[in-house]
Amino acid sequence: MAFLFQKFQEAVKTLVKRPAFARDPRQLQFEADINRLFLYLCYNRLGKNADESHAEEIIEISSKASFADQQMQVQENVHSQIKTFCTFMDEILLPNEKMVNEHQPESTVPHRSGLSFAVGRSDSAQNNLAAPKTIPLSQAEVSQNLKNQLGYTVNVKPSQIPHKDAGRGLFLDGTAHVGSVVAFYPGIVYSPAYYRYIPGYPKINALNPYLITRYDGNVINAQPWGCGGENREPWNGWKTGEIKPDVKGAEPERGSERFWKLLSKPLEGYKGDNNEVIERRNPLALAHFANHPPKGVQPNVMICPYDFPLTERNMRVYVPNLLFGNAEVNMRRFGSFWFKSGGGSKISGSHVPILKTLVLVATRPLQDEELLLNYRLSNTKRRPEWYTPVDEEEDRRRWS
């Protein structure tokens, strides 16, 4: 299947040169990433019988589809896979209960095709925070059952990367097709309006390697999630064990980091009123353990933004993220600064309540191997000793 990776890579490089693509370097890289995800996810949707001719057809379609259409298709394909995952989880934990895919009353709010069917938001006052009874399985047992159903699961164990700072890594247990969603990036989602509440602000990444930023500026902090848990329970992100900084082989604290730690003054006293019932045994909620590939090795997964529609109430318990704050505040970026702006989030032209998350998507067929993710660290800051850029040009565009 190496031909597929090479073919899609070449297709992306060709397409980014088209006049239709954005000239802003950062937006250009975002569009290139969405184009690549479009190729992988469409190929995945064709199933295991897809061949080279199908790849050629998908490349042809992507050359004609607008960026907005590709972005929508990526969301729909990811959502379809996650819905299947949620159904399997229900079958494992709630065999006698109502399943995700069973008929639900339709929303009375007008909606369009695609993901825009997810409109409206449940009133927090009506949310029942009493966790329903589930089969008393351990996290390991749920993981094994998921592998039996889905064909794969993920585990955390010592990395095989030959570097003293590699620490633990994320491993696929089983077989996953190219374009498969193999992991969720869990934790607390901070929109730009709430950056000052991120622990360690303003030097938020000094002692926390489990932060990741979406292109739209939302930051996800996976540290409060840790390795998950053994229950389905109300979770607000302020309890359960955090991951110790040395888990991923963090470098010793330097003088500058100690200085920033002393100056760090994240806003305190506000923890929001978000408190959702979350399935802490989610076997795929471990993307934050994926390591960056060593020199000469290509990544086998890539980050994919996933806007989860909050009206999918039966699926909500399996999405391991919480939004910090009462609601998303719409912000606009000007250079390095963020400002509040009018209007709300839109998908397919409709105002849609979403939770902005991230998942990992396989860029080639995977079988019983370590998952490697291109971290794309900024070249304007001191990079750790173990970091070798996969593509320096992509790194520059990402953080331009």
Foldseek 3Di string as FASTA:
>chain_A
DVVLLVVLVVLLVVLLPDPLQDPQLQSSLVLSVLLSLLLQLVQVVVPPPRDPVVSVVSSVVSSVDHSLVSLLSSQQSQVVQLLQLQQLLCCQWPVPDDGLPDDDDQDPDDADPGPRSQADADDPVPDDQPDDHTDQDFLVVSQVSSCVVVFKFKDKDQDPAPDPLQAIFIWIAGKDAFFHFHAWAFAEKEAPVQCLQQPLPPVNCQQALSWDADSNGIIGGSQLLDLFGRAFGWDLSPDDHGDGSSRRRDDPRDPVSVVSSVVRDRDDDDSAPRIHGAGRSQRRNPVSRHAADFPPDDFFKEKDKHWAFNSSPSSVNHRRYDYGYDADFDWDDDPPDIDGDDDADDRPRDHTGTDITMTIGGNHMDHGGTGHYQRLDAPVDDDDPRDDHPDVSSSPSNND
